[in-house]
Amino acid sequence: RTLQGIHAALRPEGHLVFETRRPDHRVWEEWATD
């Protein structure tokens, strides 16, 4: 629903750019020691 809402707010051929953490990096193991 979030992606669709953004889609409706963009002009035709508008862009969406975002980041997300890579699961294979397993950052939660670093978090557990911090």
PDB file of all heavy atoms in Angstrom:
ATOM      1  N   ARG A   1       0.828  -1.206   0.000  1.00  0.00           N
ATOM      2  CA  ARG A   1       0.000   0.000   0.000  1.00  0.00           C
ATOM      3  C   ARG A   1       0.868   1.264   0.000  1.00  0.00           C
ATOM      4  O   ARG A   1       0.518   2.264  -0.641  1.00  0.00           O
ATOM      5  CB  ARG A   1      -0.934   0.001   1.208  1.00  0.00           C
ATOM      6  CG  ARG A   1      -2.141  -0.915   1.062  1.00  0.00           C
ATOM      7  CD  ARG A   1      -3.159  -0.655   2.156  1.00  0.00           C
ATOM      8  NE  ARG A   1      -2.663  -1.097   3.458  1.00  0.00           N
ATOM      9  CZ  ARG A   1      -2.886  -2.294   3.979  1.00  0.00           C
ATOM     10  NH1 ARG A   1      -3.591  -3.189   3.295  1.00  0.00           N
ATOM     11  NH2 ARG A   1      -2.428  -2.607   5.178  1.00  0.00           N
ATOM     12  N   THR A   2       1.990   1.210   0.696  1.00  0.00           N
ATOM     13  CA  THR A   2       2.898   2.360   0.718  1.00  0.00           C
ATOM     14  C   THR A   2       3.485   2.605  -0.665  1.00  0.00           C
ATOM     15  O   THR A   2       3.511   3.749  -1.147  1.00  0.00           O
ATOM     16  CB  THR A   2       4.030   2.122   1.742  1.00  0.00           C
ATOM     17  OG1 THR A   2       3.447   2.016   3.045  1.00  0.00           O
ATOM     18  CG2 THR A   2       5.042   3.262   1.727  1.00  0.00           C
ATOM     19  N   LEU A   3       3.941   1.550  -1.325  1.00  0.00           N
ATOM     20  CA  LEU A   3       4.489   1.700  -2.668  1.00  0.00           C
ATOM     21  C   LEU A   3       3.438   2.217  -3.637  1.00  0.00           C
ATOM     22  O   LEU A   3       3.732   3.052  -4.511  1.00  0.00           O
ATOM     23  CB  LEU A   3       5.041   0.365  -3.161  1.00  0.00           C
ATOM     24  CG  LEU A   3       6.295  -0.163  -2.458  1.00  0.00           C
ATOM     25  CD1 LEU A   3       6.667  -1.543  -2.988  1.00  0.00           C
ATOM     26  CD2 LEU A   3       7.476   0.798  -2.632  1.00  0.00           C
ATOM     27  N   GLN A   4       2.208   1.752  -3.508  1.00  0.00           N
ATOM     28  CA  GLN A   4       1.148   2.209  -4.394  1.00  0.00           C
ATOM     29  C   GLN A   4       0.792   3.674  -4.139  1.00  0.00           C
ATOM     30  O   GLN A   4       0.524   4.439  -5.072  1.00  0.00           O
ATOM     31  CB  GLN A   4      -0.081   1.316  -4.220  1.00  0.00           C
ATOM     32  CG  GLN A   4       0.126  -0.096  -4.771  1.00  0.00           C
ATOM     33  CD  GLN A   4      -0.864  -1.102  -4.231  1.00  0.00           C
ATOM     34  OE1 GLN A   4      -1.830  -0.738  -3.554  1.00  0.00           O
ATOM     35  NE2 GLN A   4      -0.622  -2.372  -4.512  1.00  0.00           N
ATOM     36  N   GLY A   5       0.802   4.075  -2.864  1.00  0.00           N
ATOM     37  CA  GLY A   5       0.529   5.469  -2.545  1.00  0.00           C
ATOM     38  C   GLY A   5       1.581   6.404  -3.117  1.00  0.00           C
ATOM     39  O   GLY A   5       1.262   7.486  -3.634  1.00  0.00           O
ATOM     40  N   ILE A   6       2.840   5.983  -3.035  1.00  0.00           N
ATOM     41  CA  ILE A   6       3.919   6.778  -3.621  1.00  0.00           C
ATOM     42  C   ILE A   6       3.777   6.816  -5.142  1.00  0.00           C
ATOM     43  O   ILE A   6       3.965   7.871  -5.771  1.00  0.00           O
ATOM     44  CB  ILE A   6       5.290   6.200  -3.213  1.00  0.00           C
ATOM     45  CG1 ILE A   6       5.494   6.333  -1.699  1.00  0.00           C
ATOM     46  CG2 ILE A   6       6.418   6.910  -3.967  1.00  0.00           C
ATOM     47  CD1 ILE A   6       6.698   5.570  -1.172  1.00  0.00           C
ATOM     48  N   HIS A   7       3.441   5.681  -5.732  1.00  0.00           N
ATOM     49  CA  HIS A   7       3.242   5.593  -7.182  1.00  0.00           C
ATOM     50  C   HIS A   7       2.223   6.641  -7.634  1.00  0.00           C
ATOM     51  O   HIS A   7       2.438   7.363  -8.624  1.00  0.00           O
ATOM     52  CB  HIS A   7       2.761   4.186  -7.530  1.00  0.00           C
ATOM     53  CG  HIS A   7       2.638   3.887  -8.981  1.00  0.00           C
ATOM     54  ND1 HIS A   7       1.569   4.329  -9.753  1.00  0.00           N
ATOM     55  CD2 HIS A   7       3.448   3.200  -9.832  1.00  0.00           C
ATOM     56  CE1 HIS A   7       1.724   3.908 -10.984  1.00  0.00           C
ATOM     57  NE2 HIS A   7       2.853   3.217 -11.077  1.00  0.00           N
ATOM     58  N   ALA A   8       1.115   6.764  -6.898  1.00  0.00           N
ATOM     59  CA  ALA A   8       0.066   7.715  -7.271  1.00  0.00           C
ATOM     60  C   ALA A   8       0.517   9.163  -7.104  1.00  0.00           C
ATOM     61  O   ALA A   8      -0.001  10.057  -7.791  1.00  0.00           O
ATOM     62  CB  ALA A   8      -1.178   7.458  -6.430  1.00  0.00           C
ATOM     63  N   ALA A   9       1.474   9.402  -6.199  1.00  0.00           N
ATOM     64  CA  ALA A   9       1.952  10.764  -5.960  1.00  0.00           C
ATOM     65  C   ALA A   9       3.036  11.196  -6.933  1.00  0.00           C
ATOM     66  O   ALA A   9       3.368  12.384  -7.011  1.00  0.00           O
ATOM     67  CB  ALA A   9       2.485  10.883  -4.527  1.00  0.00           C
ATOM     68  N   LEU A  10       3.614  10.238  -7.665  1.00  0.00           N
ATOM     69  CA  LEU A  10       4.653  10.548  -8.645  1.00  0.00           C
ATOM     70  C   LEU A  10       4.042  10.898  -9.996  1.00  0.00           C
ATOM     71  O   LEU A  10       2.956  10.425 -10.346  1.00  0.00           O
ATOM     72  CB  LEU A  10       5.582   9.344  -8.830  1.00  0.00           C
ATOM     73  CG  LEU A  10       6.552   9.010  -7.700  1.00  0.00           C
ATOM     74  CD1 LEU A  10       7.200   7.649  -7.958  1.00  0.00           C
ATOM     75  CD2 LEU A  10       7.623  10.087  -7.573  1.00  0.00           C
ATOM     76  N   ARG A  11       4.754  11.693 -10.760  1.00  0.00           N
ATOM     77  CA  ARG A  11       4.359  11.902 -12.156  1.00  0.00           C
ATOM     78  C   ARG A  11       4.669  10.641 -12.952  1.00  0.00           C
ATOM     79  O   ARG A  11       5.464   9.793 -12.516  1.00  0.00           O
ATOM     80  CB  ARG A  11       5.123  13.097 -12.742  1.00  0.00           C
ATOM     81  CG  ARG A  11       6.624  12.890 -12.845  1.00  0.00           C
ATOM     82  CD  ARG A  11       7.278  13.924 -13.732  1.00  0.00           C
ATOM     83  NE  ARG A  11       8.719  13.827 -13.730  1.00  0.00           N
ATOM     84  CZ  ARG A  11       9.443  12.932 -14.412  1.00  0.00           C
ATOM     85  NH1 ARG A  11       8.838  12.020 -15.147  1.00  0.00           N
ATOM     86  NH2 ARG A  11      10.761  12.953 -14.362  1.00  0.00           N
ATOM     87  N   PRO A  12       4.080  10.468 -14.116  1.00  0.00           N
ATOM     88  CA  PRO A  12       4.459   9.340 -14.965  1.00  0.00           C
ATOM     89  C   PRO A  12       5.961   9.338 -15.217  1.00  0.00           C
ATOM     90  O   PRO A  12       6.555  10.374 -15.521  1.00  0.00           O
ATOM     91  CB  PRO A  12       3.668   9.580 -16.258  1.00  0.00           C
ATOM     92  CG  PRO A  12       2.474  10.365 -15.804  1.00  0.00           C
ATOM     93  CD  PRO A  12       2.965  11.254 -14.694  1.00  0.00           C
ATOM     94  N   GLU A  13       6.571   8.183 -15.051  1.00  0.00           N
ATOM     95  CA  GLU A  13       8.018   7.974 -15.197  1.00  0.00           C
ATOM     96  C   GLU A  13       8.830   8.694 -14.110  1.00  0.00           C
ATOM     97  O   GLU A  13      10.048   8.841 -14.230  1.00  0.00           O
ATOM     98  CB  GLU A  13       8.509   8.375 -16.593  1.00  0.00           C
ATOM     99  CG  GLU A  13       7.847   7.562 -17.701  1.00  0.00           C
ATOM    100  CD  GLU A  13       8.456   7.831 -19.069  1.00  0.00           C
ATOM    101  OE1 GLU A  13       9.180   8.835 -19.229  1.00  0.00           O
ATOM    102  OE2 GLU A  13       8.195   7.025 -19.971  1.00  0.00           O
ATOM    103  N   GLY A  14       8.160   9.121 -13.023  1.00  0.00           N
ATOM    104  CA  GLY A  14       8.887   9.649 -11.878  1.00  0.00           C
ATOM    105  C   GLY A  14       9.665   8.544 -11.180  1.00  0.00           C
ATOM    106  O   GLY A  14       9.431   7.349 -11.411  1.00  0.00           O
ATOM    107  N   HIS A  15      10.567   8.919 -10.288  1.00  0.00           N
ATOM    108  CA  HIS A  15      11.486   7.962  -9.684  1.00  0.00           C
ATOM    109  C   HIS A  15      11.232   7.805  -8.184  1.00  0.00           C
ATOM    110  O   HIS A  15      10.809   8.736  -7.506  1.00  0.00           O
ATOM    111  CB  HIS A  15      12.932   8.398  -9.911  1.00  0.00           C
ATOM    112  CG  HIS A  15      13.353   8.364 -11.337  1.00  0.00           C
ATOM    113  ND1 HIS A  15      13.200   9.459 -12.181  1.00  0.00           N
ATOM    114  CD2 HIS A  15      13.913   7.383 -12.086  1.00  0.00           C
ATOM    115  CE1 HIS A  15      13.661   9.140 -13.389  1.00  0.00           C
ATOM    116  NE2 HIS A  15      14.092   7.893 -13.359  1.00  0.00           N
ATOM    117  N   LEU A  16      11.554   6.627  -7.697  1.00  0.00           N
ATOM    118  CA  LEU A  16      11.556   6.312  -6.271  1.00  0.00           C
ATOM    119  C   LEU A  16      12.934   5.791  -5.917  1.00  0.00           C
ATOM    120  O   LEU A  16      13.445   4.864  -6.564  1.00  0.00           O
ATOM    121  CB  LEU A  16      10.488   5.252  -5.954  1.00  0.00           C
ATOM    122  CG  LEU A  16      10.556   4.603  -4.567  1.00  0.00           C
ATOM    123  CD1 LEU A  16      10.360   5.632  -3.464  1.00  0.00           C
ATOM    124  CD2 LEU A  16       9.524   3.474  -4.461  1.00  0.00           C
ATOM    125  N   VAL A  17      13.549   6.381  -4.892  1.00  0.00           N
ATOM    126  CA  VAL A  17      14.870   5.966  -4.431  1.00  0.00           C
ATOM    127  C   VAL A  17      14.797   5.730  -2.928  1.00  0.00           C
ATOM    128  O   VAL A  17      14.296   6.578  -2.186  1.00  0.00           O
ATOM    129  CB  VAL A  17      15.945   7.036  -4.742  1.00  0.00           C
ATOM    130  CG1 VAL A  17      17.306   6.597  -4.192  1.00  0.00           C
ATOM    131  CG2 VAL A  17      16.036   7.291  -6.241  1.00  0.00           C
ATOM    132  N   PHE A  18      15.277   4.588  -2.483  1.00  0.00           N
ATOM    133  CA  PHE A  18      15.277   4.295  -1.050  1.00  0.00           C
ATOM    134  C   PHE A  18      16.354   3.264  -0.732  1.00  0.00           C
ATOM    135  O   PHE A  18      16.870   2.578  -1.607  1.00  0.00           O
ATOM    136  CB  PHE A  18      13.910   3.784  -0.589  1.00  0.00           C
ATOM    137  CG  PHE A  18      13.491   2.465  -1.198  1.00  0.00           C
ATOM    138  CD1 PHE A  18      13.763   1.266  -0.552  1.00  0.00           C
ATOM    139  CD2 PHE A  18      12.831   2.424  -2.417  1.00  0.00           C
ATOM    140  CE1 PHE A  18      13.384   0.051  -1.113  1.00  0.00           C
ATOM    141  CE2 PHE A  18      12.441   1.223  -2.986  1.00  0.00           C
ATOM    142  CZ  PHE A  18      12.728   0.029  -2.331  1.00  0.00           C
ATOM    143  N   GLU A  19      16.655   3.176   0.559  1.00  0.00           N
ATOM    144  CA  GLU A  19      17.670   2.244   1.035  1.00  0.00           C
ATOM    145  C   GLU A  19      17.026   1.229   1.974  1.00  0.00           C
ATOM    146  O   GLU A  19      16.002   1.482   2.596  1.00  0.00           O
ATOM    147  CB  GLU A  19      18.761   2.999   1.787  1.00  0.00           C
ATOM    148  CG  GLU A  19      18.252   3.676   3.043  1.00  0.00           C
ATOM    149  CD  GLU A  19      19.172   4.766   3.552  1.00  0.00           C
ATOM    150  OE1 GLU A  19      19.688   5.549   2.736  1.00  0.00           O
ATOM    151  OE2 GLU A  19      19.356   4.840   4.772  1.00  0.00           O
ATOM    152  N   THR A  20      17.654   0.065   2.073  1.00  0.00           N
ATOM    153  CA  THR A  20      17.246  -0.947   3.036  1.00  0.00           C
ATOM    154  C   THR A  20      18.460  -1.801   3.364  1.00  0.00           C
ATOM    155  O   THR A  20      19.290  -2.081   2.491  1.00  0.00           O
ATOM    156  CB  THR A  20      16.076  -1.802   2.501  1.00  0.00           C
ATOM    157  OG1 THR A  20      15.651  -2.722   3.503  1.00  0.00           O
ATOM    158  CG2 THR A  20      16.446  -2.543   1.238  1.00  0.00           C
ATOM    159  N   ARG A  21      18.592  -2.188   4.625  1.00  0.00           N
ATOM    160  CA  ARG A  21      19.773  -2.940   5.051  1.00  0.00           C
ATOM    161  C   ARG A  21      19.781  -4.327   4.438  1.00  0.00           C
ATOM    162  O   ARG A  21      18.746  -4.990   4.346  1.00  0.00           O
ATOM    163  CB  ARG A  21      19.820  -3.050   6.575  1.00  0.00           C
ATOM    164  CG  ARG A  21      19.986  -1.714   7.288  1.00  0.00           C
ATOM    165  CD  ARG A  21      20.034  -1.934   8.797  1.00  0.00           C
ATOM    166  NE  ARG A  21      20.119  -0.677   9.535  1.00  0.00           N
ATOM    167  CZ  ARG A  21      19.089   0.022   9.967  1.00  0.00           C
ATOM    168  NH1 ARG A  21      17.854  -0.402   9.703  1.00  0.00           N
ATOM    169  NH2 ARG A  21      19.262   1.138  10.646  1.00  0.00           N
ATOM    170  N   ARG A  22      20.974  -4.783   4.073  1.00  0.00           N
ATOM    171  CA  ARG A  22      21.127  -6.120   3.489  1.00  0.00           C
ATOM    172  C   ARG A  22      21.053  -7.173   4.589  1.00  0.00           C
ATOM    173  O   ARG A  22      21.819  -7.129   5.559  1.00  0.00           O
ATOM    174  CB  ARG A  22      22.468  -6.224   2.777  1.00  0.00           C
ATOM    175  CG  ARG A  22      22.611  -5.330   1.578  1.00  0.00           C
ATOM    176  CD  ARG A  22      24.006  -5.374   1.023  1.00  0.00           C
ATOM    177  NE  ARG A  22      24.445  -6.734   0.735  1.00  0.00           N
ATOM    178  CZ  ARG A  22      25.271  -7.059  -0.260  1.00  0.00           C
ATOM    179  NH1 ARG A  22      25.746  -6.112  -1.050  1.00  0.00           N
ATOM    180  NH2 ARG A  22      25.628  -8.297  -0.448  1.00  0.00           N
ATOM    181  N   PRO A  23      20.143  -8.148   4.480  1.00  0.00           N
ATOM    182  CA  PRO A  23      20.066  -9.170   5.519  1.00  0.00           C
ATOM    183  C   PRO A  23      21.341  -9.991   5.660  1.00  0.00           C
ATOM    184  O   PRO A  23      21.682 -10.433   6.758  1.00  0.00           O
ATOM    185  CB  PRO A  23      18.890 -10.054   5.092  1.00  0.00           C
ATOM    186  CG  PRO A  23      18.325  -9.469   3.866  1.00  0.00           C
ATOM    187  CD  PRO A  23      19.112  -8.284   3.455  1.00  0.00           C
ATOM    188  N   ASP A  24      22.080 -10.190   4.548  1.00  0.00           N
ATOM    189  CA  ASP A  24      23.280 -11.023   4.629  1.00  0.00           C
ATOM    190  C   ASP A  24      24.402 -10.359   5.425  1.00  0.00           C
ATOM    191  O   ASP A  24      25.351 -11.025   5.844  1.00  0.00           O
ATOM    192  CB  ASP A  24      23.767 -11.415   3.233  1.00  0.00           C
ATOM    193  CG  ASP A  24      24.103 -10.232   2.337  1.00  0.00           C
ATOM    194  OD1 ASP A  24      23.714  -9.093   2.667  1.00  0.00           O
ATOM    195  OD2 ASP A  24      24.757 -10.448   1.308  1.00  0.00           O
ATOM    196  N   HIS A  25      24.293  -9.075   5.679  1.00  0.00           N
ATOM    197  CA  HIS A  25      25.295  -8.401   6.516  1.00  0.00           C
ATOM    198  C   HIS A  25      25.068  -8.689   8.000  1.00  0.00           C
ATOM    199  O   HIS A  25      26.007  -8.562   8.795  1.00  0.00           O
ATOM    200  CB  HIS A  25      25.276  -6.891   6.277  1.00  0.00           C
ATOM    201  CG  HIS A  25      26.344  -6.157   7.017  1.00  0.00           C
ATOM    202  ND1 HIS A  25      27.675  -6.258   6.689  1.00  0.00           N
ATOM    203  CD2 HIS A  25      26.296  -5.336   8.097  1.00  0.00           C
ATOM    204  CE1 HIS A  25      28.393  -5.524   7.515  1.00  0.00           C
ATOM    205  NE2 HIS A  25      27.565  -4.950   8.391  1.00  0.00           N
ATOM    206  N   ARG A  26      23.856  -9.056   8.387  1.00  0.00           N
ATOM    207  CA  ARG A  26      23.525  -9.461   9.754  1.00  0.00           C
ATOM    208  C   ARG A  26      23.920  -8.388  10.782  1.00  0.00           C
ATOM    209  O   ARG A  26      24.577  -8.649  11.788  1.00  0.00           O
ATOM    210  CB  ARG A  26      24.187 -10.805  10.093  1.00  0.00           C
ATOM    211  CG  ARG A  26      23.769 -11.939   9.147  1.00  0.00           C
ATOM    212  CD  ARG A  26      24.434 -13.247   9.487  1.00  0.00           C
ATOM    213  NE  ARG A  26      23.967 -13.761  10.780  1.00  0.00           N
ATOM    214  CZ  ARG A  26      22.871 -14.486  10.952  1.00  0.00           C
ATOM    215  NH1 ARG A  26      22.095 -14.776   9.906  1.00  0.00           N
ATOM    216  NH2 ARG A  26      22.528 -14.910  12.142  1.00  0.00           N
ATOM    217  N   VAL A  27      23.465  -7.170  10.508  1.00  0.00           N
ATOM    218  CA  VAL A  27      23.847  -6.055  11.366  1.00  0.00           C
ATOM    219  C   VAL A  27      23.337  -6.226  12.796  1.00  0.00           C
ATOM    220  O   VAL A  27      23.921  -5.682  13.748  1.00  0.00           O
ATOM    221  CB  VAL A  27      23.340  -4.725  10.763  1.00  0.00           C
ATOM    222  CG1 VAL A  27      21.825  -4.628  10.828  1.00  0.00           C
ATOM    223  CG2 VAL A  27      23.988  -3.534  11.445  1.00  0.00           C
ATOM    224  N   TRP A  28      22.280  -7.013  12.996  1.00  0.00           N
ATOM    225  CA  TRP A  28      21.750  -7.223  14.341  1.00  0.00           C
ATOM    226  C   TRP A  28      22.783  -7.879  15.259  1.00  0.00           C
ATOM    227  O   TRP A  28      22.703  -7.719  16.479  1.00  0.00           O
ATOM    228  CB  TRP A  28      20.469  -8.047  14.284  1.00  0.00           C
ATOM    229  CG  TRP A  28      20.611  -9.340  13.542  1.00  0.00           C
ATOM    230  CD1 TRP A  28      21.044 -10.536  14.041  1.00  0.00           C
ATOM    231  CD2 TRP A  28      20.320  -9.550  12.147  1.00  0.00           C
ATOM    232  NE1 TRP A  28      21.049 -11.487  13.057  1.00  0.00           N
ATOM    233  CE2 TRP A  28      20.605 -10.903  11.882  1.00  0.00           C
ATOM    234  CE3 TRP A  28      19.830  -8.735  11.116  1.00  0.00           C
ATOM    235  CZ2 TRP A  28      20.411 -11.471  10.622  1.00  0.00           C
ATOM    236  CZ3 TRP A  28      19.663  -9.290   9.865  1.00  0.00           C
ATOM    237  CH2 TRP A  28      19.951 -10.634   9.619  1.00  0.00           C
ATOM    238  N   GLU A  29      23.754  -8.605  14.680  1.00  0.00           N
ATOM    239  CA  GLU A  29      24.812  -9.185  15.513  1.00  0.00           C
ATOM    240  C   GLU A  29      25.727  -8.097  16.067  1.00  0.00           C
ATOM    241  O   GLU A  29      26.206  -8.196  17.199  1.00  0.00           O
ATOM    242  CB  GLU A  29      25.609 -10.217  14.708  1.00  0.00           C
ATOM    243  CG  GLU A  29      24.768 -11.428  14.313  1.00  0.00           C
ATOM    244  CD  GLU A  29      25.534 -12.414  13.448  1.00  0.00           C
ATOM    245  OE1 GLU A  29      26.678 -12.102  13.039  1.00  0.00           O
ATOM    246  OE2 GLU A  29      24.984 -13.508  13.180  1.00  0.00           O
ATOM    247  N   GLU A  30      25.956  -7.053  15.291  1.00  0.00           N
ATOM    248  CA  GLU A  30      26.706  -5.899  15.791  1.00  0.00           C
ATOM    249  C   GLU A  30      25.889  -5.166  16.855  1.00  0.00           C
ATOM    250  O   GLU A  30      26.418  -4.751  17.887  1.00  0.00           O
ATOM    251  CB  GLU A  30      27.044  -4.953  14.648  1.00  0.00           C
ATOM    252  CG  GLU A  30      27.909  -5.546  13.552  1.00  0.00           C
ATOM    253  CD  GLU A  30      28.097  -4.584  12.399  1.00  0.00           C
ATOM    254  OE1 GLU A  30      27.872  -3.363  12.588  1.00  0.00           O
ATOM    255  OE2 GLU A  30      28.438  -5.046  11.298  1.00  0.00           O
ATOM    256  N   TRP A  31      24.600  -4.997  16.581  1.00  0.00           N
ATOM    257  CA  TRP A  31      23.738  -4.301  17.535  1.00  0.00           C
ATOM    258  C   TRP A  31      23.724  -4.990  18.894  1.00  0.00           C
ATOM    259  O   TRP A  31      23.682  -4.328  19.935  1.00  0.00           O
ATOM    260  CB  TRP A  31      22.313  -4.230  16.994  1.00  0.00           C
ATOM    261  CG  TRP A  31      22.139  -3.364  15.792  1.00  0.00           C
ATOM    262  CD1 TRP A  31      23.035  -2.475  15.270  1.00  0.00           C
ATOM    263  CD2 TRP A  31      20.981  -3.307  14.949  1.00  0.00           C
ATOM    264  NE1 TRP A  31      22.513  -1.869  14.160  1.00  0.00           N
ATOM    265  CE2 TRP A  31      21.253  -2.358  13.935  1.00  0.00           C
ATOM    266  CE3 TRP A  31      19.760  -3.959  14.952  1.00  0.00           C
ATOM    267  CZ2 TRP A  31      20.331  -2.056  12.950  1.00  0.00           C
ATOM    268  CZ3 TRP A  31      18.830  -3.662  13.964  1.00  0.00           C
ATOM    269  CH2 TRP A  31      19.113  -2.715  12.966  1.00  0.00           C
ATOM    270  N   ALA A  32      23.745  -6.314  18.889  1.00  0.00           N
ATOM    271  CA  ALA A  32      23.635  -7.065  20.139  1.00  0.00           C
ATOM    272  C   ALA A  32      24.821  -6.824  21.069  1.00  0.00           C
ATOM    273  O   ALA A  32      24.702  -6.997  22.287  1.00  0.00           O
ATOM    274  CB  ALA A  32      23.494  -8.560  19.845  1.00  0.00           C
ATOM    275  N   THR A  33      25.951  -6.425  20.511  1.00  0.00           N
ATOM    276  CA  THR A  33      27.136  -6.179  21.341  1.00  0.00           C
ATOM    277  C   THR A  33      27.301  -4.699  21.689  1.00  0.00           C
ATOM    278  O   THR A  33      28.181  -4.348  22.471  1.00  0.00           O
ATOM    279  CB  THR A  33      28.411  -6.659  20.617  1.00  0.00           C
ATOM    280  OG1 THR A  33      28.604  -5.893  19.416  1.00  0.00           O
ATOM    281  CG2 THR A  33      28.298  -8.142  20.257  1.00  0.00           C
ATOM    282  N   ASP A  34      26.459  -3.853  21.123  1.00  0.00           N
ATOM    283  CA  ASP A  34      26.578  -2.405  21.318  1.00  0.00           C
ATOM    284  C   ASP A  34      25.602  -1.961  22.406  1.00  0.00           C
ATOM    285  O   ASP A  34      24.522  -1.437  22.131  1.00  0.00           O
ATOM    286  CB  ASP A  34      26.293  -1.686  20.000  1.00  0.00           C
ATOM    287  CG  ASP A  34      26.510  -0.195  20.090  1.00  0.00           C
ATOM    288  OD1 ASP A  34      27.147   0.256  21.063  1.00  0.00           O
ATOM    289  OD2 ASP A  34      26.021   0.538  19.204  1.00  0.00           O
TER     290      ASP A  34
END
